[in-house]
Amino acid sequence: MSNKPKRYRCTICEHVYDPAEGDPLSGIKPGTPFEALPDSWVCPDCGAMKADFEPIDD
């Protein structure tokens, strides 16, 4: 079992937030877990809210 932070997928457009990459265009540094994203963060592809993401079982 890995301690790697969980990835999350947008249920609207299928964008995957990978904590290892972060979201540089939104000022989110690599290594930032999904749970630590601000509530104001939105999907960089479709603008969906953080609540529209679901965890991916890797």
PDB file of N, CA and C in Angstrom:
ATOM      1  N   MET A   1       0.838  -1.180   0.000  1.00  0.00           N
ATOM      2  CA  MET A   1       0.000   0.000   0.000  1.00  0.00           C
ATOM      3  C   MET A   1       0.884   1.244   0.000  1.00  0.00           C
ATOM      4  N   SER A   2       0.487   2.210  -0.798  1.00  0.00           N
ATOM      5  CA  SER A   2       1.301   3.411  -0.976  1.00  0.00           C
ATOM      6  C   SER A   2       0.784   4.556  -0.114  1.00  0.00           C
ATOM      7  N   ASN A   3       1.692   5.422   0.319  1.00  0.00           N
ATOM      8  CA  ASN A   3       1.307   6.633   1.029  1.00  0.00           C
ATOM      9  C   ASN A   3       1.184   7.806   0.079  1.00  0.00           C
ATOM     10  N   LYS A   4       1.227   7.517  -1.212  1.00  0.00           N
ATOM     11  CA  LYS A   4       1.115   8.546  -2.237  1.00  0.00           C
ATOM     12  C   LYS A   4      -0.246   9.249  -2.124  1.00  0.00           C
ATOM     13  N   PRO A   5      -0.256  10.587  -2.174  1.00  0.00           N
ATOM     14  CA  PRO A   5      -1.538  11.298  -2.092  1.00  0.00           C
ATOM     15  C   PRO A   5      -2.484  10.863  -3.213  1.00  0.00           C
ATOM     16  N   LYS A   6      -3.755  10.788  -2.869  1.00  0.00           N
ATOM     17  CA  LYS A   6      -4.777  10.332  -3.800  1.00  0.00           C
ATOM     18  C   LYS A   6      -5.036  11.366  -4.896  1.00  0.00           C
ATOM     19  N   ARG A   7      -5.251  10.849  -6.110  1.00  0.00           N
ATOM     20  CA  ARG A   7      -5.630  11.710  -7.228  1.00  0.00           C
ATOM     21  C   ARG A   7      -7.161  11.829  -7.257  1.00  0.00           C
ATOM     22  N   TYR A   8      -7.652  12.926  -7.806  1.00  0.00           N
ATOM     23  CA  TYR A   8      -9.091  13.181  -7.895  1.00  0.00           C
ATOM     24  C   TYR A   8      -9.469  13.513  -9.333  1.00  0.00           C
ATOM     25  N   ARG A   9     -10.667  13.054  -9.740  1.00  0.00           N
ATOM     26  CA  ARG A   9     -11.139  13.274 -11.113  1.00  0.00           C
ATOM     27  C   ARG A   9     -12.398  14.140 -11.081  1.00  0.00           C
ATOM     28  N   CYS A  10     -12.453  15.085 -12.007  1.00  0.00           N
ATOM     29  CA  CYS A  10     -13.630  15.936 -12.174  1.00  0.00           C
ATOM     30  C   CYS A  10     -14.759  15.087 -12.765  1.00  0.00           C
ATOM     31  N   THR A  11     -15.921  15.117 -12.116  1.00  0.00           N
ATOM     32  CA  THR A  11     -17.051  14.327 -12.607  1.00  0.00           C
ATOM     33  C   THR A  11     -17.733  14.996 -13.806  1.00  0.00           C
ATOM     34  N   ILE A  12     -17.346  16.209 -14.119  1.00  0.00           N
ATOM     35  CA  ILE A  12     -17.927  16.928 -15.252  1.00  0.00           C
ATOM     36  C   ILE A  12     -17.122  16.672 -16.535  1.00  0.00           C
ATOM     37  N   CYS A  13     -15.788  16.870 -16.468  1.00  0.00           N
ATOM     38  CA  CYS A  13     -14.971  16.806 -17.689  1.00  0.00           C
ATOM     39  C   CYS A  13     -13.873  15.740 -17.661  1.00  0.00           C
ATOM     40  N   GLU A  14     -13.761  15.015 -16.533  1.00  0.00           N
ATOM     41  CA  GLU A  14     -12.756  13.946 -16.398  1.00  0.00           C
ATOM     42  C   GLU A  14     -11.331  14.442 -16.158  1.00  0.00           C
ATOM     43  N   HIS A  15     -11.129  15.750 -15.939  1.00  0.00           N
ATOM     44  CA  HIS A  15      -9.791  16.253 -15.599  1.00  0.00           C
ATOM     45  C   HIS A  15      -9.319  15.569 -14.326  1.00  0.00           C
ATOM     46  N   VAL A  16      -8.061  15.192 -14.273  1.00  0.00           N
ATOM     47  CA  VAL A  16      -7.503  14.550 -13.079  1.00  0.00           C
ATOM     48  C   VAL A  16      -6.553  15.524 -12.378  1.00  0.00           C
ATOM     49  N   TYR A  17      -6.841  15.771 -11.082  1.00  0.00           N
ATOM     50  CA  TYR A  17      -5.915  16.554 -10.267  1.00  0.00           C
ATOM     51  C   TYR A  17      -4.928  15.583  -9.645  1.00  0.00           C
ATOM     52  N   ASP A  18      -3.665  15.770  -9.973  1.00  0.00           N
ATOM     53  CA  ASP A  18      -2.599  14.925  -9.439  1.00  0.00           C
ATOM     54  C   ASP A  18      -1.768  15.762  -8.473  1.00  0.00           C
ATOM     55  N   PRO A  19      -1.781  15.410  -7.175  1.00  0.00           N
ATOM     56  CA  PRO A  19      -1.022  16.199  -6.194  1.00  0.00           C
ATOM     57  C   PRO A  19       0.458  16.318  -6.526  1.00  0.00           C
ATOM     58  N   ALA A  20       1.023  15.335  -7.207  1.00  0.00           N
ATOM     59  CA  ALA A  20       2.443  15.393  -7.567  1.00  0.00           C
ATOM     60  C   ALA A  20       2.725  16.548  -8.525  1.00  0.00           C
ATOM     61  N   GLU A  21       1.716  16.928  -9.306  1.00  0.00           N
ATOM     62  CA  GLU A  21       1.885  18.016 -10.276  1.00  0.00           C
ATOM     63  C   GLU A  21       1.344  19.342  -9.763  1.00  0.00           C
ATOM     64  N   GLY A  22       0.332  19.291  -8.892  1.00  0.00           N
ATOM     65  CA  GLY A  22      -0.319  20.512  -8.440  1.00  0.00           C
ATOM     66  C   GLY A  22      -1.104  21.135  -9.585  1.00  0.00           C
ATOM     67  N   ASP A  23      -1.304  22.425  -9.530  1.00  0.00           N
ATOM     68  CA  ASP A  23      -1.988  23.176 -10.595  1.00  0.00           C
ATOM     69  C   ASP A  23      -1.276  24.516 -10.734  1.00  0.00           C
ATOM     70  N   PRO A  24      -0.112  24.479 -11.416  1.00  0.00           N
ATOM     71  CA  PRO A  24       0.717  25.692 -11.503  1.00  0.00           C
ATOM     72  C   PRO A  24      -0.018  26.921 -12.046  1.00  0.00           C
ATOM     73  N   LEU A  25      -0.948  26.732 -12.983  1.00  0.00           N
ATOM     74  CA  LEU A  25      -1.665  27.871 -13.549  1.00  0.00           C
ATOM     75  C   LEU A  25      -2.568  28.548 -12.521  1.00  0.00           C
ATOM     76  N   SER A  26      -2.941  27.808 -11.493  1.00  0.00           N
ATOM     77  CA  SER A  26      -3.764  28.372 -10.414  1.00  0.00           C
ATOM     78  C   SER A  26      -2.936  28.708  -9.174  1.00  0.00           C
ATOM     79  N   GLY A  27      -1.608  28.562  -9.283  1.00  0.00           N
ATOM     80  CA  GLY A  27      -0.730  28.873  -8.164  1.00  0.00           C
ATOM     81  C   GLY A  27      -0.657  27.772  -7.115  1.00  0.00           C
ATOM     82  N   ILE A  28      -1.073  26.543  -7.485  1.00  0.00           N
ATOM     83  CA  ILE A  28      -1.023  25.412  -6.558  1.00  0.00           C
ATOM     84  C   ILE A  28       0.284  24.663  -6.797  1.00  0.00           C
ATOM     85  N   LYS A  29       1.123  24.600  -5.779  1.00  0.00           N
ATOM     86  CA  LYS A  29       2.451  23.994  -5.922  1.00  0.00           C
ATOM     87  C   LYS A  29       2.382  22.471  -5.983  1.00  0.00           C
ATOM     88  N   PRO A  30       3.319  21.855  -6.708  1.00  0.00           N
ATOM     89  CA  PRO A  30       3.408  20.388  -6.680  1.00  0.00           C
ATOM     90  C   PRO A  30       3.550  19.891  -5.244  1.00  0.00           C
ATOM     91  N   GLY A  31       2.917  18.768  -4.953  1.00  0.00           N
ATOM     92  CA  GLY A  31       2.957  18.211  -3.614  1.00  0.00           C
ATOM     93  C   GLY A  31       1.768  18.618  -2.760  1.00  0.00           C
ATOM     94  N   THR A  32       0.876  19.443  -3.304  1.00  0.00           N
ATOM     95  CA  THR A  32      -0.302  19.883  -2.552  1.00  0.00           C
ATOM     96  C   THR A  32      -1.417  18.848  -2.654  1.00  0.00           C
ATOM     97  N   PRO A  33      -1.801  18.225  -1.529  1.00  0.00           N
ATOM     98  CA  PRO A  33      -2.889  17.247  -1.593  1.00  0.00           C
ATOM     99  C   PRO A  33      -4.222  17.923  -1.918  1.00  0.00           C
ATOM    100  N   PHE A  34      -5.112  17.169  -2.530  1.00  0.00           N
ATOM    101  CA  PHE A  34      -6.418  17.707  -2.924  1.00  0.00           C
ATOM    102  C   PHE A  34      -7.139  18.336  -1.734  1.00  0.00           C
ATOM    103  N   GLU A  35      -7.063  17.674  -0.576  1.00  0.00           N
ATOM    104  CA  GLU A  35      -7.754  18.174   0.611  1.00  0.00           C
ATOM    105  C   GLU A  35      -7.254  19.546   1.045  1.00  0.00           C
ATOM    106  N   ALA A  36      -6.030  19.892   0.663  1.00  0.00           N
ATOM    107  CA  ALA A  36      -5.449  21.179   1.059  1.00  0.00           C
ATOM    108  C   ALA A  36      -5.761  22.299   0.070  1.00  0.00           C
ATOM    109  N   LEU A  37      -6.408  21.966  -1.042  1.00  0.00           N
ATOM    110  CA  LEU A  37      -6.768  23.010  -2.006  1.00  0.00           C
ATOM    111  C   LEU A  37      -7.799  23.942  -1.381  1.00  0.00           C
ATOM    112  N   PRO A  38      -7.727  25.233  -1.693  1.00  0.00           N
ATOM    113  CA  PRO A  38      -8.733  26.145  -1.133  1.00  0.00           C
ATOM    114  C   PRO A  38     -10.116  25.811  -1.699  1.00  0.00           C
ATOM    115  N   ASP A  39     -11.163  26.085  -0.937  1.00  0.00           N
ATOM    116  CA  ASP A  39     -12.524  25.805  -1.404  1.00  0.00           C
ATOM    117  C   ASP A  39     -12.878  26.602  -2.651  1.00  0.00           C
ATOM    118  N   SER A  40     -12.147  27.679  -2.894  1.00  0.00           N
ATOM    119  CA  SER A  40     -12.401  28.508  -4.075  1.00  0.00           C
ATOM    120  C   SER A  40     -11.759  27.946  -5.344  1.00  0.00           C
ATOM    121  N   TRP A  41     -10.934  26.896  -5.196  1.00  0.00           N
ATOM    122  CA  TRP A  41     -10.270  26.295  -6.356  1.00  0.00           C
ATOM    123  C   TRP A  41     -11.313  25.679  -7.281  1.00  0.00           C
ATOM    124  N   VAL A  42     -11.111  25.825  -8.587  1.00  0.00           N
ATOM    125  CA  VAL A  42     -12.008  25.234  -9.582  1.00  0.00           C
ATOM    126  C   VAL A  42     -11.204  24.435 -10.597  1.00  0.00           C
ATOM    127  N   CYS A  43     -11.873  23.519 -11.272  1.00  0.00           N
ATOM    128  CA  CYS A  43     -11.239  22.704 -12.298  1.00  0.00           C
ATOM    129  C   CYS A  43     -10.629  23.610 -13.362  1.00  0.00           C
ATOM    130  N   PRO A  44      -9.355  23.415 -13.694  1.00  0.00           N
ATOM    131  CA  PRO A  44      -8.710  24.276 -14.691  1.00  0.00           C
ATOM    132  C   PRO A  44      -9.240  24.038 -16.105  1.00  0.00           C
ATOM    133  N   ASP A  45      -9.925  22.928 -16.337  1.00  0.00           N
ATOM    134  CA  ASP A  45     -10.437  22.644 -17.679  1.00  0.00           C
ATOM    135  C   ASP A  45     -11.869  23.134 -17.901  1.00  0.00           C
ATOM    136  N   CYS A  46     -12.745  22.927 -16.883  1.00  0.00           N
ATOM    137  CA  CYS A  46     -14.152  23.275 -17.111  1.00  0.00           C
ATOM    138  C   CYS A  46     -14.731  24.247 -16.086  1.00  0.00           C
ATOM    139  N   GLY A  47     -13.972  24.553 -15.027  1.00  0.00           N
ATOM    140  CA  GLY A  47     -14.450  25.496 -14.025  1.00  0.00           C
ATOM    141  C   GLY A  47     -15.360  24.882 -12.966  1.00  0.00           C
ATOM    142  N   ALA A  48     -15.451  23.542 -12.936  1.00  0.00           N
ATOM    143  CA  ALA A  48     -16.280  22.881 -11.928  1.00  0.00           C
ATOM    144  C   ALA A  48     -15.709  23.135 -10.532  1.00  0.00           C
ATOM    145  N   MET A  49     -16.581  23.098  -9.553  1.00  0.00           N
ATOM    146  CA  MET A  49     -16.164  23.331  -8.174  1.00  0.00           C
ATOM    147  C   MET A  49     -15.425  22.121  -7.613  1.00  0.00           C
ATOM    148  N   LYS A  50     -14.686  22.340  -6.550  1.00  0.00           N
ATOM    149  CA  LYS A  50     -13.936  21.278  -5.880  1.00  0.00           C
ATOM    150  C   LYS A  50     -14.855  20.123  -5.481  1.00  0.00           C
ATOM    151  N   ALA A  51     -16.102  20.431  -5.120  1.00  0.00           N
ATOM    152  CA  ALA A  51     -17.071  19.414  -4.705  1.00  0.00           C
ATOM    153  C   ALA A  51     -17.447  18.471  -5.849  1.00  0.00           C
ATOM    154  N   ASP A  52     -17.134  18.864  -7.089  1.00  0.00           N
ATOM    155  CA  ASP A  52     -17.468  18.038  -8.254  1.00  0.00           C
ATOM    156  C   ASP A  52     -16.374  17.010  -8.567  1.00  0.00           C
ATOM    157  N   PHE A  53     -15.384  16.878  -7.687  1.00  0.00           N
ATOM    158  CA  PHE A  53     -14.306  15.913  -7.895  1.00  0.00           C
ATOM    159  C   PHE A  53     -14.532  14.687  -7.026  1.00  0.00           C
ATOM    160  N   GLU A  54     -14.081  13.532  -7.527  1.00  0.00           N
ATOM    161  CA  GLU A  54     -14.158  12.283  -6.762  1.00  0.00           C
ATOM    162  C   GLU A  54     -12.793  11.634  -6.728  1.00  0.00           C
ATOM    163  N   PRO A  55     -12.490  10.913  -5.645  1.00  0.00           N
ATOM    164  CA  PRO A  55     -11.184  10.233  -5.555  1.00  0.00           C
ATOM    165  C   PRO A  55     -11.078   9.113  -6.575  1.00  0.00           C
ATOM    166  N   ILE A  56      -9.867   8.901  -7.056  1.00  0.00           N
ATOM    167  CA  ILE A  56      -9.576   7.810  -7.996  1.00  0.00           C
ATOM    168  C   ILE A  56      -8.869   6.711  -7.235  1.00  0.00           C
ATOM    169  N   ASP A  57      -9.330   5.489  -7.412  1.00  0.00           N
ATOM    170  CA  ASP A  57      -8.639   4.346  -6.810  1.00  0.00           C
ATOM    171  C   ASP A  57      -7.514   3.920  -7.725  1.00  0.00           C
ATOM    172  N   ASP A  58      -6.280   4.262  -7.336  1.00  0.00           N
ATOM    173  CA  ASP A  58      -5.117   3.898  -8.159  1.00  0.00           C
ATOM    174  C   ASP A  58      -4.719   2.461  -7.933  1.00  0.00           C
TER     175      ASP A  58
END
